């Protein structure tokens, strides 16, 4: 059986080559940093604009820098000596944040603009950009039973305002840097990543973490009810963090995926109502549901068509939503109790 090409088996990547991960103080970036460290890479430069004490994961023997990469000189500093660069830096959060902070989301284009040019100037071998399913045409996502989105469905363009448009134009930067300047780029469109060590309160959390927290809060308070944004019929696919970081590695080291946007997400479609039901079952509780119909709720339905990734990599994210949510719920419950006891936890500023 042919072994898949990942960083650990890539013939032109050594364990002491410098890997740069931006957005490393956040959920996915921090998890990716841990992934590479666990796989034996000894030179990792982790970067985030959050002060170091506020990073979700900060690992020993990793060079950790507090830099705002929307500033050109900081982007230049970030990639000095790098062989591979993983750009996961962006102002983002759940739908509540994205819909109410479009300018901040759009300004993330400065990060990719400066970072990809700096990477080209520094002779970086490979550059990864974390795009999003928010780049897809919203006209195709109006109903809960909308068809799964394939990569070509990003055009004709009608991305989500703010965040989605930033992702789409940044993808184009990556494609043109390969076509015109020969910088090898790789692009993954993430579909709703969740799991331990992520945001779970404060306004930037996504639906799985928010619902887990609300169930835990209801049990703790004895007020057995839950507020749900929208009518609960909205549908999404949710990808567990371990599938995400492994998928990033596979995509980055595939010669068939140079400058080629690809879905990275589960194709298991879950309604928000079903998400609540699963969280209730994990928490062994039944709550009265109240629907906040004027809350930000995003598109009606979105799922990942995984035909392309299966054909190219013979792989797709496979962690079932129930199993992933069980792990996430347990972690958030631990965080909730720690915070209640007065201890500092993930998501504290």
C-alpha atoms as a PDB file:
ATOM      1  CA  UNK A   1       0.000   0.000   0.000  1.00  0.00           C
ATOM      2  CA  UNK A   2       1.358   3.430  -0.965  1.00  0.00           C
ATOM      3  CA  UNK A   3       1.785   5.645   2.094  1.00  0.00           C
ATOM      4  CA  UNK A   4       0.308   9.135   1.838  1.00  0.00           C
ATOM      5  CA  UNK A   5       2.716  12.043   1.595  1.00  0.00           C
ATOM      6  CA  UNK A   6       2.646  14.140   4.741  1.00  0.00           C
ATOM      7  CA  UNK A   7       5.237  16.443   6.282  1.00  0.00           C
ATOM      8  CA  UNK A   8       6.870  13.574   8.185  1.00  0.00           C
ATOM      9  CA  UNK A   9       7.430  11.607   4.955  1.00  0.00           C
ATOM     10  CA  UNK A  10       7.946  14.477   2.520  1.00  0.00           C
ATOM     11  CA  UNK A  11      11.329  13.869   0.822  1.00  0.00           C
ATOM     12  CA  UNK A  12      12.320  17.542   0.613  1.00  0.00           C
ATOM     13  CA  UNK A  13      11.378  18.497   4.186  1.00  0.00           C
ATOM     14  CA  UNK A  14      13.706  17.863   7.111  1.00  0.00           C
ATOM     15  CA  UNK A  15      12.670  17.684  10.750  1.00  0.00           C
ATOM     16  CA  UNK A  16      14.853  20.723  11.513  1.00  0.00           C
ATOM     17  CA  UNK A  17      13.520  22.856   8.646  1.00  0.00           C
ATOM     18  CA  UNK A  18      11.738  25.970   9.895  1.00  0.00           C
ATOM     19  CA  UNK A  19       7.942  25.773   9.804  1.00  0.00           C
ATOM     20  CA  UNK A  20       6.014  29.013  10.398  1.00  0.00           C
ATOM     21  CA  UNK A  21       2.423  28.883  11.654  1.00  0.00           C
ATOM     22  CA  UNK A  22       0.436  32.115  11.882  1.00  0.00           C
ATOM     23  CA  UNK A  23      -2.703  32.422  13.951  1.00  0.00           C
ATOM     24  CA  UNK A  24      -0.957  30.014  16.312  1.00  0.00           C
ATOM     25  CA  UNK A  25      -2.487  31.599  19.400  1.00  0.00           C
ATOM     26  CA  UNK A  26      -5.913  30.532  18.205  1.00  0.00           C
ATOM     27  CA  UNK A  27      -7.760  27.256  17.950  1.00  0.00           C
ATOM     28  CA  UNK A  28      -6.699  25.717  14.632  1.00  0.00           C
ATOM     29  CA  UNK A  29      -3.249  27.328  14.536  1.00  0.00           C
ATOM     30  CA  UNK A  30      -2.457  26.167  18.048  1.00  0.00           C
ATOM     31  CA  UNK A  31      -3.643  22.644  17.259  1.00  0.00           C
ATOM     32  CA  UNK A  32      -1.542  22.593  14.070  1.00  0.00           C
ATOM     33  CA  UNK A  33       1.516  23.706  16.046  1.00  0.00           C
ATOM     34  CA  UNK A  34       0.992  20.819  18.459  1.00  0.00           C
ATOM     35  CA  UNK A  35       0.512  18.426  15.529  1.00  0.00           C
ATOM     36  CA  UNK A  36       3.876  19.290  13.988  1.00  0.00           C
ATOM     37  CA  UNK A  37       5.642  19.200  17.335  1.00  0.00           C
ATOM     38  CA  UNK A  38       4.159  15.773  18.066  1.00  0.00           C
ATOM     39  CA  UNK A  39       5.396  14.636  14.644  1.00  0.00           C
ATOM     40  CA  UNK A  40       8.990  15.440  15.557  1.00  0.00           C
ATOM     41  CA  UNK A  41       9.575  18.827  13.924  1.00  0.00           C
ATOM     42  CA  UNK A  42      12.088  20.737  16.011  1.00  0.00           C
ATOM     43  CA  UNK A  43      11.987  24.249  14.521  1.00  0.00           C
ATOM     44  CA  UNK A  44       8.535  25.796  14.656  1.00  0.00           C
ATOM     45  CA  UNK A  45       7.853  29.534  14.737  1.00  0.00           C
ATOM     46  CA  UNK A  46       4.368  30.267  16.063  1.00  0.00           C
ATOM     47  CA  UNK A  47       2.904  33.752  15.578  1.00  0.00           C
ATOM     48  CA  UNK A  48      -0.243  35.547  16.705  1.00  0.00           C
ATOM     49  CA  UNK A  49      -1.321  39.125  17.369  1.00  0.00           C
ATOM     50  CA  UNK A  50      -2.718  38.119  20.768  1.00  0.00           C
ATOM     51  CA  UNK A  51      -0.344  38.648  23.700  1.00  0.00           C
ATOM     52  CA  UNK A  52       1.416  35.400  24.578  1.00  0.00           C
ATOM     53  CA  UNK A  53      -0.446  34.864  27.883  1.00  0.00           C
ATOM     54  CA  UNK A  54      -3.729  34.811  25.937  1.00  0.00           C
ATOM     55  CA  UNK A  55      -2.766  32.047  23.500  1.00  0.00           C
ATOM     56  CA  UNK A  56      -5.034  29.002  23.578  1.00  0.00           C
ATOM     57  CA  UNK A  57      -2.030  26.666  23.443  1.00  0.00           C
ATOM     58  CA  UNK A  58       1.566  27.688  24.009  1.00  0.00           C
ATOM     59  CA  UNK A  59       4.064  24.883  23.632  1.00  0.00           C
ATOM     60  CA  UNK A  60       7.580  24.496  25.032  1.00  0.00           C
ATOM     61  CA  UNK A  61      10.492  24.542  22.575  1.00  0.00           C
ATOM     62  CA  UNK A  62       8.419  26.479  20.042  1.00  0.00           C
ATOM     63  CA  UNK A  63       9.488  30.004  19.062  1.00  0.00           C
ATOM     64  CA  UNK A  64       6.395  32.034  19.946  1.00  0.00           C
ATOM     65  CA  UNK A  65       6.103  35.606  18.678  1.00  0.00           C
ATOM     66  CA  UNK A  66       3.530  38.330  19.381  1.00  0.00           C
ATOM     67  CA  UNK A  67       3.215  40.079  15.996  1.00  0.00           C
ATOM     68  CA  UNK A  68       0.402  41.789  14.085  1.00  0.00           C
ATOM     69  CA  UNK A  69       0.882  40.410  10.572  1.00  0.00           C
ATOM     70  CA  UNK A  70      -1.297  43.073   8.976  1.00  0.00           C
ATOM     71  CA  UNK A  71       1.873  45.195   9.295  1.00  0.00           C
ATOM     72  CA  UNK A  72       4.305  44.576   6.418  1.00  0.00           C
ATOM     73  CA  UNK A  73       7.486  44.619   8.497  1.00  0.00           C
ATOM     74  CA  UNK A  74       6.060  42.028  10.884  1.00  0.00           C
ATOM     75  CA  UNK A  75       5.181  39.718   7.990  1.00  0.00           C
ATOM     76  CA  UNK A  76       8.754  40.020   6.728  1.00  0.00           C
ATOM     77  CA  UNK A  77      10.117  39.156  10.175  1.00  0.00           C
ATOM     78  CA  UNK A  78       7.718  36.243  10.513  1.00  0.00           C
ATOM     79  CA  UNK A  79       8.954  34.252   7.515  1.00  0.00           C
ATOM     80  CA  UNK A  80      12.713  34.804   7.807  1.00  0.00           C
ATOM     81  CA  UNK A  81      14.416  31.474   7.128  1.00  0.00           C
ATOM     82  CA  UNK A  82      11.123  29.592   6.691  1.00  0.00           C
ATOM     83  CA  UNK A  83      10.755  26.543   4.467  1.00  0.00           C
ATOM     84  CA  UNK A  84       6.984  26.197   4.887  1.00  0.00           C
ATOM     85  CA  UNK A  85       4.421  28.815   5.940  1.00  0.00           C
ATOM     86  CA  UNK A  86       0.910  28.038   7.167  1.00  0.00           C
ATOM     87  CA  UNK A  87      -1.322  31.108   7.179  1.00  0.00           C
ATOM     88  CA  UNK A  88      -4.189  30.616   9.628  1.00  0.00           C
ATOM     89  CA  UNK A  89      -4.230  34.212  10.876  1.00  0.00           C
ATOM     90  CA  UNK A  90      -7.530  36.074  10.503  1.00  0.00           C
ATOM     91  CA  UNK A  91     -10.066  38.047  12.467  1.00  0.00           C
ATOM     92  CA  UNK A  92     -12.941  35.596  12.674  1.00  0.00           C
ATOM     93  CA  UNK A  93     -15.358  33.724  14.875  1.00  0.00           C
ATOM     94  CA  UNK A  94     -18.828  32.228  14.745  1.00  0.00           C
ATOM     95  CA  UNK A  95     -21.689  33.682  12.726  1.00  0.00           C
ATOM     96  CA  UNK A  96     -22.480  36.278  15.388  1.00  0.00           C
ATOM     97  CA  UNK A  97     -18.975  37.728  15.029  1.00  0.00           C
ATOM     98  CA  UNK A  98     -18.743  37.419  11.248  1.00  0.00           C
ATOM     99  CA  UNK A  99     -22.035  39.155  10.522  1.00  0.00           C
ATOM    100  CA  UNK A 100     -21.405  42.024  12.938  1.00  0.00           C
ATOM    101  CA  UNK A 101     -17.709  42.671  12.199  1.00  0.00           C
ATOM    102  CA  UNK A 102     -17.429  42.705   8.418  1.00  0.00           C
ATOM    103  CA  UNK A 103     -14.806  45.442   8.274  1.00  0.00           C
ATOM    104  CA  UNK A 104     -12.524  43.594  10.693  1.00  0.00           C
ATOM    105  CA  UNK A 105     -12.957  40.412   8.658  1.00  0.00           C
ATOM    106  CA  UNK A 106     -12.177  42.197   5.393  1.00  0.00           C
ATOM    107  CA  UNK A 107      -9.043  43.749   6.867  1.00  0.00           C
ATOM    108  CA  UNK A 108      -7.568  40.254   7.247  1.00  0.00           C
ATOM    109  CA  UNK A 109      -6.678  40.540   3.565  1.00  0.00           C
ATOM    110  CA  UNK A 110      -3.741  42.676   4.703  1.00  0.00           C
ATOM    111  CA  UNK A 111      -2.313  39.632   6.499  1.00  0.00           C
ATOM    112  CA  UNK A 112      -2.322  37.387   3.458  1.00  0.00           C
ATOM    113  CA  UNK A 113      -1.194  40.186   1.126  1.00  0.00           C
ATOM    114  CA  UNK A 114       1.894  40.952   3.191  1.00  0.00           C
ATOM    115  CA  UNK A 115       2.612  37.373   4.221  1.00  0.00           C
ATOM    116  CA  UNK A 116       2.508  35.809   0.765  1.00  0.00           C
ATOM    117  CA  UNK A 117       4.763  38.535  -0.684  1.00  0.00           C
ATOM    118  CA  UNK A 118       7.181  38.171   2.223  1.00  0.00           C
ATOM    119  CA  UNK A 119       7.170  34.387   1.718  1.00  0.00           C
ATOM    120  CA  UNK A 120       7.955  34.803  -1.968  1.00  0.00           C
ATOM    121  CA  UNK A 121      10.788  37.234  -1.222  1.00  0.00           C
ATOM    122  CA  UNK A 122      12.186  34.882   1.455  1.00  0.00           C
ATOM    123  CA  UNK A 123      12.245  31.870  -0.875  1.00  0.00           C
ATOM    124  CA  UNK A 124       9.673  29.852   1.065  1.00  0.00           C
ATOM    125  CA  UNK A 125       9.107  26.433  -0.516  1.00  0.00           C
ATOM    126  CA  UNK A 126       5.381  25.994   0.257  1.00  0.00           C
ATOM    127  CA  UNK A 127       2.655  28.367   1.419  1.00  0.00           C
ATOM    128  CA  UNK A 128      -0.696  27.271   2.864  1.00  0.00           C
ATOM    129  CA  UNK A 129      -3.779  29.484   3.026  1.00  0.00           C
ATOM    130  CA  UNK A 130      -6.754  28.658   5.212  1.00  0.00           C
ATOM    131  CA  UNK A 131      -9.830  29.629   3.247  1.00  0.00           C
ATOM    132  CA  UNK A 132     -13.442  28.968   4.198  1.00  0.00           C
ATOM    133  CA  UNK A 133     -16.738  27.595   2.942  1.00  0.00           C
ATOM    134  CA  UNK A 134     -17.937  31.179   3.437  1.00  0.00           C
ATOM    135  CA  UNK A 135     -16.318  31.822   0.037  1.00  0.00           C
ATOM    136  CA  UNK A 136     -19.099  29.872  -1.694  1.00  0.00           C
ATOM    137  CA  UNK A 137     -21.976  31.437  -3.609  1.00  0.00           C
ATOM    138  CA  UNK A 138     -24.646  32.214  -1.009  1.00  0.00           C
ATOM    139  CA  UNK A 139     -27.407  31.815  -3.603  1.00  0.00           C
ATOM    140  CA  UNK A 140     -26.731  28.059  -3.431  1.00  0.00           C
ATOM    141  CA  UNK A 141     -27.176  27.930   0.355  1.00  0.00           C
ATOM    142  CA  UNK A 142     -30.608  29.410   1.004  1.00  0.00           C
ATOM    143  CA  UNK A 143     -32.419  26.305   2.236  1.00  0.00           C
ATOM    144  CA  UNK A 144     -31.568  23.657   4.865  1.00  0.00           C
ATOM    145  CA  UNK A 145     -31.613  20.931   2.207  1.00  0.00           C
ATOM    146  CA  UNK A 146     -29.238  22.773  -0.141  1.00  0.00           C
ATOM    147  CA  UNK A 147     -26.952  20.534  -2.220  1.00  0.00           C
ATOM    148  CA  UNK A 148     -23.433  19.888  -0.952  1.00  0.00           C
ATOM    149  CA  UNK A 149     -20.988  22.459  -2.305  1.00  0.00           C
ATOM    150  CA  UNK A 150     -18.334  21.374  -4.773  1.00  0.00           C
ATOM    151  CA  UNK A 151     -15.232  23.455  -5.375  1.00  0.00           C
ATOM    152  CA  UNK A 152     -16.507  25.020  -8.617  1.00  0.00           C
ATOM    153  CA  UNK A 153     -19.531  26.434  -6.762  1.00  0.00           C
ATOM    154  CA  UNK A 154     -17.491  29.436  -5.610  1.00  0.00           C
ATOM    155  CA  UNK A 155     -18.154  30.967  -9.036  1.00  0.00           C
ATOM    156  CA  UNK A 156     -20.034  32.947 -10.187  1.00  0.00           C
ATOM    157  CA  UNK A 157     -18.944  34.734  -7.037  1.00  0.00           C
ATOM    158  CA  UNK A 158     -21.462  35.720  -4.376  1.00  0.00           C
ATOM    159  CA  UNK A 159     -19.513  35.070  -1.177  1.00  0.00           C
ATOM    160  CA  UNK A 160     -20.662  35.944   2.336  1.00  0.00           C
ATOM    161  CA  UNK A 161     -20.182  39.663   2.891  1.00  0.00           C
ATOM    162  CA  UNK A 162     -16.950  40.540   4.662  1.00  0.00           C
ATOM    163  CA  UNK A 163     -15.305  37.284   5.701  1.00  0.00           C
ATOM    164  CA  UNK A 164     -16.245  35.265   2.608  1.00  0.00           C
ATOM    165  CA  UNK A 165     -15.052  37.874   0.123  1.00  0.00           C
ATOM    166  CA  UNK A 166     -11.745  38.255   1.950  1.00  0.00           C
ATOM    167  CA  UNK A 167     -11.194  34.515   1.631  1.00  0.00           C
ATOM    168  CA  UNK A 168     -12.087  34.420  -2.055  1.00  0.00           C
ATOM    169  CA  UNK A 169      -9.750  37.234  -3.097  1.00  0.00           C
ATOM    170  CA  UNK A 170      -6.955  35.793  -0.949  1.00  0.00           C
ATOM    171  CA  UNK A 171      -7.371  32.475  -2.758  1.00  0.00           C
ATOM    172  CA  UNK A 172      -6.816  34.365  -5.995  1.00  0.00           C
ATOM    173  CA  UNK A 173      -3.610  35.851  -4.606  1.00  0.00           C
ATOM    174  CA  UNK A 174      -2.374  32.322  -3.899  1.00  0.00           C
ATOM    175  CA  UNK A 175      -3.247  31.130  -7.390  1.00  0.00           C
ATOM    176  CA  UNK A 176      -1.556  34.071  -9.094  1.00  0.00           C
ATOM    177  CA  UNK A 177       1.612  33.842  -7.001  1.00  0.00           C
ATOM    178  CA  UNK A 178       1.969  30.287  -8.318  1.00  0.00           C
ATOM    179  CA  UNK A 179       1.047  31.137 -11.912  1.00  0.00           C
ATOM    180  CA  UNK A 180       3.166  34.279 -12.204  1.00  0.00           C
ATOM    181  CA  UNK A 181       5.942  33.907  -9.621  1.00  0.00           C
ATOM    182  CA  UNK A 182       6.295  30.176  -9.022  1.00  0.00           C
ATOM    183  CA  UNK A 183       5.537  30.181  -5.287  1.00  0.00           C
ATOM    184  CA  UNK A 184       3.937  26.829  -4.489  1.00  0.00           C
ATOM    185  CA  UNK A 185       0.666  27.528  -2.715  1.00  0.00           C
ATOM    186  CA  UNK A 186      -2.039  25.279  -1.257  1.00  0.00           C
ATOM    187  CA  UNK A 187      -5.597  26.291  -0.365  1.00  0.00           C
ATOM    188  CA  UNK A 188      -8.158  24.538   1.845  1.00  0.00           C
ATOM    189  CA  UNK A 189     -11.739  25.694   2.316  1.00  0.00           C
ATOM    190  CA  UNK A 190     -12.563  24.852   5.924  1.00  0.00           C
ATOM    191  CA  UNK A 191     -16.082  23.796   6.897  1.00  0.00           C
ATOM    192  CA  UNK A 192     -16.898  24.675  10.542  1.00  0.00           C
ATOM    193  CA  UNK A 193     -14.025  23.327  12.615  1.00  0.00           C
ATOM    194  CA  UNK A 194     -14.727  22.398  16.246  1.00  0.00           C
ATOM    195  CA  UNK A 195     -13.136  20.503  19.128  1.00  0.00           C
ATOM    196  CA  UNK A 196     -11.146  20.924  22.365  1.00  0.00           C
ATOM    197  CA  UNK A 197      -8.886  23.954  22.874  1.00  0.00           C
ATOM    198  CA  UNK A 198     -11.216  26.226  20.918  1.00  0.00           C
ATOM    199  CA  UNK A 199     -13.275  29.310  21.724  1.00  0.00           C
ATOM    200  CA  UNK A 200     -16.307  28.342  23.815  1.00  0.00           C
ATOM    201  CA  UNK A 201     -17.622  31.653  25.172  1.00  0.00           C
ATOM    202  CA  UNK A 202     -17.283  35.403  24.636  1.00  0.00           C
ATOM    203  CA  UNK A 203     -18.949  35.926  21.245  1.00  0.00           C
ATOM    204  CA  UNK A 204     -16.515  34.322  18.793  1.00  0.00           C
ATOM    205  CA  UNK A 205     -17.456  30.702  19.490  1.00  0.00           C
ATOM    206  CA  UNK A 206     -19.064  28.567  16.782  1.00  0.00           C
ATOM    207  CA  UNK A 207     -22.290  26.600  17.113  1.00  0.00           C
ATOM    208  CA  UNK A 208     -20.981  23.273  18.539  1.00  0.00           C
ATOM    209  CA  UNK A 209     -19.078  24.998  21.350  1.00  0.00           C
ATOM    210  CA  UNK A 210     -21.864  27.502  21.995  1.00  0.00           C
ATOM    211  CA  UNK A 211     -24.518  24.794  22.274  1.00  0.00           C
ATOM    212  CA  UNK A 212     -22.341  22.626  24.536  1.00  0.00           C
ATOM    213  CA  UNK A 213     -21.739  25.618  26.805  1.00  0.00           C
ATOM    214  CA  UNK A 214     -25.430  26.501  26.932  1.00  0.00           C
ATOM    215  CA  UNK A 215     -26.368  22.934  27.883  1.00  0.00           C
ATOM    216  CA  UNK A 216     -23.697  22.919  30.599  1.00  0.00           C
ATOM    217  CA  UNK A 217     -24.852  26.323  31.886  1.00  0.00           C
ATOM    218  CA  UNK A 218     -28.472  25.152  32.002  1.00  0.00           C
ATOM    219  CA  UNK A 219     -27.550  22.087  34.036  1.00  0.00           C
ATOM    220  CA  UNK A 220     -25.389  24.138  36.376  1.00  0.00           C
ATOM    221  CA  UNK A 221     -28.027  26.824  36.980  1.00  0.00           C
ATOM    222  CA  UNK A 222     -30.993  24.490  37.129  1.00  0.00           C
ATOM    223  CA  UNK A 223     -32.786  26.714  34.608  1.00  0.00           C
ATOM    224  CA  UNK A 224     -33.618  23.977  32.143  1.00  0.00           C
ATOM    225  CA  UNK A 225     -33.947  25.980  28.942  1.00  0.00           C
ATOM    226  CA  UNK A 226     -31.798  26.991  26.004  1.00  0.00           C
ATOM    227  CA  UNK A 227     -31.775  29.858  23.506  1.00  0.00           C
ATOM    228  CA  UNK A 228     -31.187  28.861  19.886  1.00  0.00           C
ATOM    229  CA  UNK A 229     -30.274  31.379  17.192  1.00  0.00           C
ATOM    230  CA  UNK A 230     -32.653  31.156  14.235  1.00  0.00           C
ATOM    231  CA  UNK A 231     -35.384  28.548  13.858  1.00  0.00           C
ATOM    232  CA  UNK A 232     -33.055  25.584  14.372  1.00  0.00           C
ATOM    233  CA  UNK A 233     -33.613  24.232  10.872  1.00  0.00           C
ATOM    234  CA  UNK A 234     -30.338  25.653   9.515  1.00  0.00           C
ATOM    235  CA  UNK A 235     -27.926  22.887   8.493  1.00  0.00           C
ATOM    236  CA  UNK A 236     -24.143  22.640   8.504  1.00  0.00           C
ATOM    237  CA  UNK A 237     -21.352  20.095   8.389  1.00  0.00           C
ATOM    238  CA  UNK A 238     -18.850  20.235  11.259  1.00  0.00           C
ATOM    239  CA  UNK A 239     -15.244  18.994  11.097  1.00  0.00           C
ATOM    240  CA  UNK A 240     -13.388  17.726  14.152  1.00  0.00           C
ATOM    241  CA  UNK A 241     -10.054  19.438  14.804  1.00  0.00           C
ATOM    242  CA  UNK A 242      -7.930  16.283  14.472  1.00  0.00           C
ATOM    243  CA  UNK A 243      -9.300  15.688  10.975  1.00  0.00           C
ATOM    244  CA  UNK A 244      -8.598  19.326  10.151  1.00  0.00           C
ATOM    245  CA  UNK A 245      -4.904  19.397  11.054  1.00  0.00           C
ATOM    246  CA  UNK A 246      -4.214  16.072   9.350  1.00  0.00           C
ATOM    247  CA  UNK A 247      -6.072  17.292   6.273  1.00  0.00           C
ATOM    248  CA  UNK A 248      -3.978  20.470   6.187  1.00  0.00           C
ATOM    249  CA  UNK A 249      -0.834  18.323   6.155  1.00  0.00           C
ATOM    250  CA  UNK A 250      -2.121  16.097   3.356  1.00  0.00           C
ATOM    251  CA  UNK A 251      -3.223  19.048   1.209  1.00  0.00           C
ATOM    252  CA  UNK A 252       0.010  20.981   1.734  1.00  0.00           C
ATOM    253  CA  UNK A 253       2.133  18.046   0.552  1.00  0.00           C
ATOM    254  CA  UNK A 254       0.083  16.958  -2.454  1.00  0.00           C
ATOM    255  CA  UNK A 255       1.590  17.833  -5.827  1.00  0.00           C
ATOM    256  CA  UNK A 256      -1.889  17.469  -7.318  1.00  0.00           C
ATOM    257  CA  UNK A 257      -3.243  20.317  -5.200  1.00  0.00           C
ATOM    258  CA  UNK A 258      -0.910  23.195  -5.982  1.00  0.00           C
ATOM    259  CA  UNK A 259      -2.858  26.488  -6.184  1.00  0.00           C
ATOM    260  CA  UNK A 260      -6.083  24.473  -6.218  1.00  0.00           C
ATOM    261  CA  UNK A 261      -8.823  25.267  -3.688  1.00  0.00           C
ATOM    262  CA  UNK A 262     -10.257  22.142  -2.086  1.00  0.00           C
ATOM    263  CA  UNK A 263     -12.952  21.427   0.486  1.00  0.00           C
ATOM    264  CA  UNK A 264     -11.724  20.351   3.882  1.00  0.00           C
ATOM    265  CA  UNK A 265     -14.784  19.371   5.848  1.00  0.00           C
ATOM    266  CA  UNK A 266     -17.081  16.578   6.928  1.00  0.00           C
ATOM    267  CA  UNK A 267     -19.988  15.672   4.637  1.00  0.00           C
ATOM    268  CA  UNK A 268     -22.212  14.700   7.585  1.00  0.00           C
ATOM    269  CA  UNK A 269     -25.053  17.221   7.496  1.00  0.00           C
ATOM    270  CA  UNK A 270     -26.405  18.298  10.899  1.00  0.00           C
ATOM    271  CA  UNK A 271     -29.279  20.656  11.667  1.00  0.00           C
ATOM    272  CA  UNK A 272     -28.924  23.045  14.584  1.00  0.00           C
ATOM    273  CA  UNK A 273     -31.912  21.361  16.228  1.00  0.00           C
ATOM    274  CA  UNK A 274     -30.169  17.994  15.905  1.00  0.00           C
ATOM    275  CA  UNK A 275     -26.969  19.508  17.284  1.00  0.00           C
ATOM    276  CA  UNK A 276     -28.922  20.578  20.372  1.00  0.00           C
ATOM    277  CA  UNK A 277     -30.459  17.124  20.705  1.00  0.00           C
ATOM    278  CA  UNK A 278     -27.054  15.420  20.574  1.00  0.00           C
ATOM    279  CA  UNK A 279     -25.623  17.859  23.146  1.00  0.00           C
ATOM    280  CA  UNK A 280     -28.644  17.195  25.408  1.00  0.00           C
ATOM    281  CA  UNK A 281     -28.078  13.449  25.116  1.00  0.00           C
ATOM    282  CA  UNK A 282     -24.409  13.820  25.975  1.00  0.00           C
ATOM    283  CA  UNK A 283     -25.335  15.971  28.976  1.00  0.00           C
ATOM    284  CA  UNK A 284     -28.190  13.606  29.933  1.00  0.00           C
ATOM    285  CA  UNK A 285     -30.704  16.458  30.044  1.00  0.00           C
ATOM    286  CA  UNK A 286     -33.770  17.729  28.182  1.00  0.00           C
ATOM    287  CA  UNK A 287     -34.194  21.487  27.813  1.00  0.00           C
ATOM    288  CA  UNK A 288     -37.016  23.795  26.801  1.00  0.00           C
ATOM    289  CA  UNK A 289     -36.028  25.494  23.543  1.00  0.00           C
ATOM    290  CA  UNK A 290     -36.477  29.198  22.828  1.00  0.00           C
ATOM    291  CA  UNK A 291     -35.745  30.413  19.304  1.00  0.00           C
ATOM    292  CA  UNK A 292     -34.207  33.854  18.755  1.00  0.00           C
ATOM    293  CA  UNK A 293     -35.372  34.506  15.228  1.00  0.00           C
ATOM    294  CA  UNK A 294     -33.660  37.893  14.875  1.00  0.00           C
ATOM    295  CA  UNK A 295     -30.193  36.569  15.808  1.00  0.00           C
ATOM    296  CA  UNK A 296     -27.407  36.141  13.202  1.00  0.00           C
ATOM    297  CA  UNK A 297     -27.877  32.700  11.652  1.00  0.00           C
ATOM    298  CA  UNK A 298     -25.979  32.709   8.361  1.00  0.00           C
ATOM    299  CA  UNK A 299     -27.059  30.753   5.289  1.00  0.00           C
ATOM    300  CA  UNK A 300     -29.903  28.251   5.355  1.00  0.00           C
ATOM    301  CA  UNK A 301     -27.790  25.192   4.609  1.00  0.00           C
ATOM    302  CA  UNK A 302     -24.188  24.285   3.815  1.00  0.00           C
ATOM    303  CA  UNK A 303     -22.463  20.947   3.343  1.00  0.00           C
ATOM    304  CA  UNK A 304     -19.144  19.809   1.917  1.00  0.00           C
ATOM    305  CA  UNK A 305     -19.027  17.826  -1.322  1.00  0.00           C
ATOM    306  CA  UNK A 306     -16.000  15.584  -0.728  1.00  0.00           C
ATOM    307  CA  UNK A 307     -15.813  13.986  -4.169  1.00  0.00           C
ATOM    308  CA  UNK A 308     -12.673  15.908  -5.118  1.00  0.00           C
ATOM    309  CA  UNK A 309     -10.686  15.260  -1.932  1.00  0.00           C
ATOM    310  CA  UNK A 310     -11.595  11.557  -2.044  1.00  0.00           C
ATOM    311  CA  UNK A 311     -10.457  11.313  -5.655  1.00  0.00           C
ATOM    312  CA  UNK A 312      -7.168  13.148  -5.098  1.00  0.00           C
ATOM    313  CA  UNK A 313      -6.151  12.017  -1.603  1.00  0.00           C
ATOM    314  CA  UNK A 314      -8.232   8.852  -1.157  1.00  0.00           C
ATOM    315  CA  UNK A 315      -9.204  10.352   2.201  1.00  0.00           C
ATOM    316  CA  UNK A 316     -11.783  12.611   3.806  1.00  0.00           C
ATOM    317  CA  UNK A 317     -12.553  13.788   7.357  1.00  0.00           C
ATOM    318  CA  UNK A 318     -14.198  10.814   9.056  1.00  0.00           C
ATOM    319  CA  UNK A 319     -14.771  11.589  12.748  1.00  0.00           C
ATOM    320  CA  UNK A 320     -18.494  11.256  13.386  1.00  0.00           C
ATOM    321  CA  UNK A 321     -20.153  14.372  14.748  1.00  0.00           C
ATOM    322  CA  UNK A 322     -21.451  12.590  17.844  1.00  0.00           C
ATOM    323  CA  UNK A 323     -18.000  11.266  18.767  1.00  0.00           C
ATOM    324  CA  UNK A 324     -16.358  14.623  18.161  1.00  0.00           C
ATOM    325  CA  UNK A 325     -19.011  16.495  20.124  1.00  0.00           C
ATOM    326  CA  UNK A 326     -18.695  14.097  23.073  1.00  0.00           C
ATOM    327  CA  UNK A 327     -14.984  14.903  23.293  1.00  0.00           C
ATOM    328  CA  UNK A 328     -15.685  18.622  22.909  1.00  0.00           C
ATOM    329  CA  UNK A 329     -18.464  18.628  25.519  1.00  0.00           C
ATOM    330  CA  UNK A 330     -16.264  16.945  28.128  1.00  0.00           C
ATOM    331  CA  UNK A 331     -13.477  19.476  27.541  1.00  0.00           C
ATOM    332  CA  UNK A 332     -15.825  22.488  27.705  1.00  0.00           C
ATOM    333  CA  UNK A 333     -17.382  21.134  30.887  1.00  0.00           C
ATOM    334  CA  UNK A 334     -13.910  20.948  32.444  1.00  0.00           C
ATOM    335  CA  UNK A 335     -13.193  24.493  31.299  1.00  0.00           C
ATOM    336  CA  UNK A 336     -16.545  25.699  32.651  1.00  0.00           C
ATOM    337  CA  UNK A 337     -15.891  24.237  36.097  1.00  0.00           C
ATOM    338  CA  UNK A 338     -12.345  25.629  36.137  1.00  0.00           C
ATOM    339  CA  UNK A 339     -13.605  29.099  35.240  1.00  0.00           C
ATOM    340  CA  UNK A 340     -16.335  28.859  37.868  1.00  0.00           C
ATOM    341  CA  UNK A 341     -13.620  28.095  40.404  1.00  0.00           C
ATOM    342  CA  UNK A 342     -11.812  31.286  39.408  1.00  0.00           C
ATOM    343  CA  UNK A 343      -9.112  29.784  37.223  1.00  0.00           C
ATOM    344  CA  UNK A 344      -7.958  31.221  33.899  1.00  0.00           C
ATOM    345  CA  UNK A 345      -9.230  29.221  30.910  1.00  0.00           C
ATOM    346  CA  UNK A 346      -9.242  29.207  27.090  1.00  0.00           C
ATOM    347  CA  UNK A 347     -11.201  32.212  25.702  1.00  0.00           C
ATOM    348  CA  UNK A 348     -10.270  34.483  28.625  1.00  0.00           C
ATOM    349  CA  UNK A 349      -8.814  37.767  27.381  1.00  0.00           C
END
